[in-house]
N, C-alpha and C. Protein backbone atom coordinates (compact mmCIF):
# COMPACT_ATOMS: atom_id res chain seq x y z
N MET A 1 -0.38 -13.99 -5.75
CA MET A 1 -1.10 -13.12 -6.65
C MET A 1 -2.54 -13.14 -6.20
N ASN A 2 -3.03 -11.98 -5.89
CA ASN A 2 -4.34 -11.96 -5.27
C ASN A 2 -5.33 -11.00 -5.94
N ASN A 3 -5.04 -10.51 -7.09
CA ASN A 3 -5.93 -9.62 -7.79
C ASN A 3 -6.84 -10.37 -8.73
N VAL A 4 -7.81 -9.67 -9.25
CA VAL A 4 -8.73 -10.26 -10.21
C VAL A 4 -7.95 -10.74 -11.44
N GLY A 5 -8.28 -11.93 -11.92
CA GLY A 5 -7.62 -12.48 -13.09
C GLY A 5 -6.19 -12.84 -12.89
N ASN A 6 -5.79 -13.07 -11.65
CA ASN A 6 -4.39 -13.41 -11.32
C ASN A 6 -3.40 -12.31 -11.70
N MET A 7 -3.84 -11.09 -11.83
CA MET A 7 -2.94 -9.96 -12.09
C MET A 7 -2.16 -9.69 -10.83
N PRO A 8 -0.83 -9.50 -10.93
CA PRO A 8 -0.05 -9.25 -9.72
C PRO A 8 -0.50 -7.96 -9.00
N SER A 9 -0.49 -7.97 -7.68
CA SER A 9 -0.83 -6.76 -6.93
C SER A 9 0.30 -5.77 -7.10
N SER A 10 0.05 -4.52 -6.73
CA SER A 10 1.08 -3.49 -6.87
C SER A 10 2.34 -3.83 -6.09
N LEU A 11 2.21 -4.44 -4.93
CA LEU A 11 3.38 -4.86 -4.16
C LEU A 11 4.13 -5.96 -4.90
N ASP A 12 3.44 -6.91 -5.44
CA ASP A 12 4.08 -7.96 -6.24
C ASP A 12 4.78 -7.37 -7.46
N LYS A 13 4.11 -6.44 -8.14
CA LYS A 13 4.68 -5.80 -9.31
C LYS A 13 5.96 -5.08 -8.94
N ASP A 14 5.93 -4.31 -7.87
CA ASP A 14 7.12 -3.56 -7.45
C ASP A 14 8.28 -4.51 -7.16
N GLU A 15 8.00 -5.60 -6.48
CA GLU A 15 9.03 -6.59 -6.16
C GLU A 15 9.60 -7.22 -7.43
N LEU A 16 8.72 -7.60 -8.33
CA LEU A 16 9.16 -8.21 -9.58
C LEU A 16 10.01 -7.25 -10.41
N MET A 17 9.60 -5.98 -10.46
CA MET A 17 10.34 -4.99 -11.22
C MET A 17 11.71 -4.72 -10.58
N ARG A 18 11.78 -4.67 -9.25
CA ARG A 18 13.06 -4.49 -8.55
C ARG A 18 14.01 -5.63 -8.86
N LYS A 19 13.49 -6.88 -8.80
CA LYS A 19 14.33 -8.03 -9.07
C LYS A 19 14.87 -7.98 -10.49
N LEU A 20 13.99 -7.71 -11.45
CA LEU A 20 14.45 -7.69 -12.84
C LEU A 20 15.48 -6.59 -13.05
N THR A 21 15.25 -5.42 -12.48
CA THR A 21 16.16 -4.31 -12.63
C THR A 21 17.57 -4.69 -12.17
N SER A 22 17.65 -5.38 -11.06
CA SER A 22 18.99 -5.74 -10.55
C SER A 22 19.72 -6.73 -11.45
N TYR A 23 18.99 -7.47 -12.25
CA TYR A 23 19.62 -8.45 -13.14
C TYR A 23 19.73 -8.00 -14.61
N LEU A 24 19.28 -6.82 -14.94
CA LEU A 24 19.31 -6.38 -16.33
C LEU A 24 20.69 -6.45 -16.98
N PRO A 25 21.74 -5.94 -16.33
CA PRO A 25 23.07 -6.02 -16.97
C PRO A 25 23.52 -7.45 -17.22
N VAL A 26 23.21 -8.35 -16.26
CA VAL A 26 23.62 -9.74 -16.41
C VAL A 26 22.85 -10.42 -17.53
N LEU A 27 21.56 -10.19 -17.58
CA LEU A 27 20.73 -10.79 -18.64
C LEU A 27 21.19 -10.30 -20.00
N ARG A 28 21.45 -9.02 -20.11
CA ARG A 28 21.87 -8.44 -21.38
C ARG A 28 23.22 -8.98 -21.83
N ALA A 29 24.15 -9.07 -20.87
CA ALA A 29 25.49 -9.57 -21.18
C ALA A 29 25.45 -11.03 -21.56
N LYS A 30 24.55 -11.80 -20.93
CA LYS A 30 24.44 -13.24 -21.20
C LYS A 30 24.13 -13.53 -22.67
N ILE A 31 23.39 -12.64 -23.31
CA ILE A 31 23.05 -12.87 -24.71
C ILE A 31 23.81 -11.93 -25.65
N GLY A 32 24.67 -11.09 -25.07
CA GLY A 32 25.56 -10.25 -25.86
C GLY A 32 24.90 -9.16 -26.68
N VAL A 33 23.92 -8.52 -26.06
CA VAL A 33 23.28 -7.39 -26.74
C VAL A 33 23.58 -6.09 -26.04
N SER A 34 23.58 -5.01 -26.81
CA SER A 34 23.87 -3.68 -26.23
C SER A 34 22.59 -3.11 -25.63
N GLN A 35 22.80 -2.05 -24.85
CA GLN A 35 21.66 -1.32 -24.29
C GLN A 35 20.81 -0.76 -25.43
N GLY A 36 21.45 -0.27 -26.48
CA GLY A 36 20.73 0.26 -27.61
C GLY A 36 19.88 -0.77 -28.32
N GLU A 37 20.42 -1.97 -28.45
CA GLU A 37 19.66 -3.05 -29.09
C GLU A 37 18.42 -3.42 -28.29
N VAL A 38 18.60 -3.57 -26.99
CA VAL A 38 17.45 -3.92 -26.12
C VAL A 38 16.42 -2.81 -26.17
N SER A 39 16.86 -1.58 -26.02
CA SER A 39 15.91 -0.47 -26.01
C SER A 39 15.13 -0.35 -27.31
N LYS A 40 15.82 -0.58 -28.41
CA LYS A 40 15.13 -0.52 -29.72
C LYS A 40 14.06 -1.63 -29.84
N ILE A 41 14.41 -2.82 -29.39
CA ILE A 41 13.49 -3.95 -29.49
C ILE A 41 12.26 -3.74 -28.62
N ILE A 42 12.43 -3.20 -27.41
CA ILE A 42 11.27 -3.03 -26.52
C ILE A 42 10.58 -1.70 -26.66
N GLY A 43 11.17 -0.79 -27.45
CA GLY A 43 10.47 0.47 -27.77
C GLY A 43 10.69 1.61 -26.80
N ILE A 44 11.86 1.66 -26.18
CA ILE A 44 12.17 2.82 -25.32
C ILE A 44 13.52 3.39 -25.79
N SER A 45 13.86 4.57 -25.34
CA SER A 45 15.14 5.15 -25.73
C SER A 45 16.29 4.48 -24.99
N ARG A 46 17.49 4.56 -25.59
CA ARG A 46 18.66 4.00 -24.95
C ARG A 46 18.92 4.69 -23.61
N GLN A 47 18.65 6.00 -23.56
CA GLN A 47 18.84 6.75 -22.33
C GLN A 47 17.90 6.25 -21.21
N THR A 48 16.66 5.95 -21.59
CA THR A 48 15.73 5.41 -20.62
C THR A 48 16.19 4.04 -20.12
N TYR A 49 16.64 3.21 -21.06
CA TYR A 49 17.11 1.89 -20.66
C TYR A 49 18.35 2.01 -19.73
N LEU A 50 19.25 2.87 -20.07
CA LEU A 50 20.43 3.13 -19.22
C LEU A 50 20.00 3.55 -17.83
N ALA A 51 19.04 4.45 -17.75
CA ALA A 51 18.53 4.91 -16.47
C ALA A 51 17.89 3.76 -15.67
N LEU A 52 17.28 2.80 -16.34
CA LEU A 52 16.74 1.63 -15.66
C LEU A 52 17.84 0.74 -15.12
N GLU A 53 18.84 0.47 -15.93
CA GLU A 53 19.94 -0.39 -15.52
C GLU A 53 20.71 0.21 -14.35
N THR A 54 20.87 1.53 -14.34
CA THR A 54 21.63 2.20 -13.30
C THR A 54 20.75 2.59 -12.13
N ARG A 55 19.50 2.21 -12.18
CA ARG A 55 18.51 2.46 -11.12
C ARG A 55 18.27 3.95 -10.85
N LYS A 56 18.41 4.76 -11.89
CA LYS A 56 18.13 6.18 -11.77
C LYS A 56 16.68 6.47 -12.16
N ARG A 57 16.02 5.46 -12.68
CA ARG A 57 14.62 5.62 -13.09
C ARG A 57 13.89 4.33 -12.75
N ALA A 58 12.68 4.45 -12.25
CA ALA A 58 11.87 3.28 -11.95
C ALA A 58 11.26 2.70 -13.20
N MET A 59 11.16 1.40 -13.23
CA MET A 59 10.62 0.71 -14.39
C MET A 59 9.11 0.75 -14.37
N SER A 60 8.50 0.94 -15.52
CA SER A 60 7.04 0.83 -15.62
C SER A 60 6.65 -0.63 -15.80
N TRP A 61 5.40 -0.95 -15.51
CA TRP A 61 4.93 -2.31 -15.68
C TRP A 61 4.97 -2.72 -17.16
N SER A 62 4.65 -1.82 -18.06
CA SER A 62 4.69 -2.16 -19.48
C SER A 62 6.11 -2.45 -19.95
N THR A 63 7.09 -1.71 -19.43
CA THR A 63 8.49 -1.98 -19.76
C THR A 63 8.93 -3.31 -19.17
N PHE A 64 8.51 -3.59 -17.95
CA PHE A 64 8.80 -4.88 -17.32
C PHE A 64 8.28 -6.01 -18.21
N LEU A 65 7.03 -5.93 -18.64
CA LEU A 65 6.45 -6.99 -19.47
C LEU A 65 7.21 -7.12 -20.78
N SER A 66 7.58 -6.01 -21.37
CA SER A 66 8.36 -6.05 -22.63
C SER A 66 9.69 -6.76 -22.41
N LEU A 67 10.36 -6.43 -21.33
CA LEU A 67 11.64 -7.08 -21.02
C LEU A 67 11.49 -8.55 -20.72
N ILE A 68 10.41 -8.92 -20.00
CA ILE A 68 10.13 -10.33 -19.72
C ILE A 68 9.92 -11.08 -21.02
N LEU A 69 9.16 -10.52 -21.94
CA LEU A 69 8.91 -11.17 -23.20
C LEU A 69 10.20 -11.28 -24.02
N PHE A 70 11.00 -10.23 -24.03
CA PHE A 70 12.26 -10.25 -24.78
C PHE A 70 13.22 -11.31 -24.20
N PHE A 71 13.52 -11.22 -22.92
CA PHE A 71 14.46 -12.14 -22.32
C PHE A 71 13.87 -13.56 -22.20
N GLY A 72 12.55 -13.67 -22.06
CA GLY A 72 11.88 -14.96 -21.94
C GLY A 72 11.87 -15.74 -23.26
N CYS A 73 11.95 -15.04 -24.37
CA CYS A 73 11.96 -15.68 -25.69
C CYS A 73 13.35 -16.03 -26.14
N ASN A 74 14.35 -15.73 -25.34
CA ASN A 74 15.72 -16.03 -25.71
C ASN A 74 16.21 -17.25 -24.90
N GLU A 75 16.70 -18.24 -25.60
CA GLU A 75 17.15 -19.47 -24.90
C GLU A 75 18.24 -19.18 -23.85
N GLY A 76 19.07 -18.16 -24.10
CA GLY A 76 20.14 -17.88 -23.18
C GLY A 76 19.72 -17.24 -21.87
N THR A 77 18.51 -16.67 -21.85
CA THR A 77 18.08 -15.97 -20.62
C THR A 77 16.75 -16.47 -20.06
N ALA A 78 16.02 -17.29 -20.78
CA ALA A 78 14.70 -17.72 -20.33
C ALA A 78 14.76 -18.44 -18.98
N GLU A 79 15.70 -19.37 -18.84
CA GLU A 79 15.82 -20.11 -17.57
C GLU A 79 16.24 -19.19 -16.43
N MET A 80 17.06 -18.21 -16.76
CA MET A 80 17.50 -17.29 -15.73
C MET A 80 16.35 -16.48 -15.15
N LEU A 81 15.36 -16.11 -15.97
CA LEU A 81 14.20 -15.40 -15.46
C LEU A 81 13.48 -16.25 -14.41
N ASP A 82 13.36 -17.54 -14.67
CA ASP A 82 12.75 -18.44 -13.69
C ASP A 82 13.58 -18.52 -12.41
N SER A 83 14.88 -18.66 -12.56
CA SER A 83 15.74 -18.85 -11.38
C SER A 83 15.80 -17.60 -10.50
N ILE A 84 15.69 -16.42 -11.08
CA ILE A 84 15.71 -15.21 -10.24
C ILE A 84 14.33 -14.84 -9.71
N GLY A 85 13.31 -15.56 -10.17
CA GLY A 85 11.99 -15.37 -9.60
C GLY A 85 11.15 -14.25 -10.21
N VAL A 86 11.47 -13.80 -11.41
CA VAL A 86 10.69 -12.74 -12.00
C VAL A 86 9.62 -13.23 -12.97
N LEU A 87 9.79 -14.46 -13.43
CA LEU A 87 8.75 -15.04 -14.26
C LEU A 87 8.03 -16.09 -13.42
N THR A 88 7.15 -15.59 -12.59
CA THR A 88 6.42 -16.46 -11.65
C THR A 88 5.42 -17.33 -12.42
N PRO A 89 5.02 -18.43 -11.87
CA PRO A 89 4.01 -19.25 -12.56
C PRO A 89 2.74 -18.48 -12.90
N GLU A 90 2.33 -17.61 -11.99
CA GLU A 90 1.12 -16.79 -12.23
C GLU A 90 1.31 -15.85 -13.39
N LEU A 91 2.47 -15.19 -13.45
CA LEU A 91 2.77 -14.28 -14.54
C LEU A 91 2.91 -15.04 -15.84
N ASN A 92 3.55 -16.18 -15.78
CA ASN A 92 3.69 -17.01 -16.96
C ASN A 92 2.32 -17.42 -17.53
N ASP A 93 1.43 -17.82 -16.62
CA ASP A 93 0.06 -18.16 -17.03
C ASP A 93 -0.66 -16.96 -17.66
N LEU A 94 -0.48 -15.81 -17.06
CA LEU A 94 -1.13 -14.60 -17.55
C LEU A 94 -0.63 -14.25 -18.97
N LEU A 95 0.65 -14.49 -19.22
CA LEU A 95 1.23 -14.16 -20.52
C LEU A 95 1.06 -15.27 -21.55
N SER A 96 0.71 -16.46 -21.13
CA SER A 96 0.62 -17.60 -22.02
C SER A 96 -0.55 -17.47 -22.96
N THR A 97 -0.27 -17.64 -24.26
CA THR A 97 -1.35 -17.61 -25.24
C THR A 97 -2.18 -18.91 -25.18
N ASN A 98 -1.59 -19.96 -24.63
CA ASN A 98 -2.33 -21.23 -24.52
C ASN A 98 -3.48 -21.16 -23.51
N ASN A 99 -3.40 -20.22 -22.55
CA ASN A 99 -4.40 -20.16 -21.51
C ASN A 99 -5.46 -19.08 -21.75
N ARG A 100 -5.39 -18.41 -22.89
CA ARG A 100 -6.39 -17.38 -23.19
C ARG A 100 -7.67 -18.05 -23.70
N LYS A 101 -8.80 -17.51 -23.22
CA LYS A 101 -10.10 -18.05 -23.63
C LYS A 101 -10.50 -17.44 -24.97
N GLU A 102 -11.07 -18.26 -25.79
CA GLU A 102 -11.57 -17.75 -27.05
C GLU A 102 -12.89 -17.00 -26.81
N LYS A 103 -13.04 -15.91 -27.56
CA LYS A 103 -14.27 -15.12 -27.38
C LYS A 103 -15.28 -15.47 -28.42
């Protein structure tokens, strides 16, 4: 991660989004939720989510972050995010509320 504030570079983002996309069906099945349930929770349409899972549509960074937070907060999928390499230490630090500076 080489951008200001440890934000992933666009190449890193693209790689992370590709990895997550390839595992979406497995992650979803592991916790037994439907495409409609995931899409409702993260705030996109079921059709958009289906297009992501079937790789007919590219994932946005905001959707990636929403999915990381959703699957990362679930005991059944949190470890899997680490093992597939989409929740990198840098991204985890960026998302961690413990590391935010008080203003």
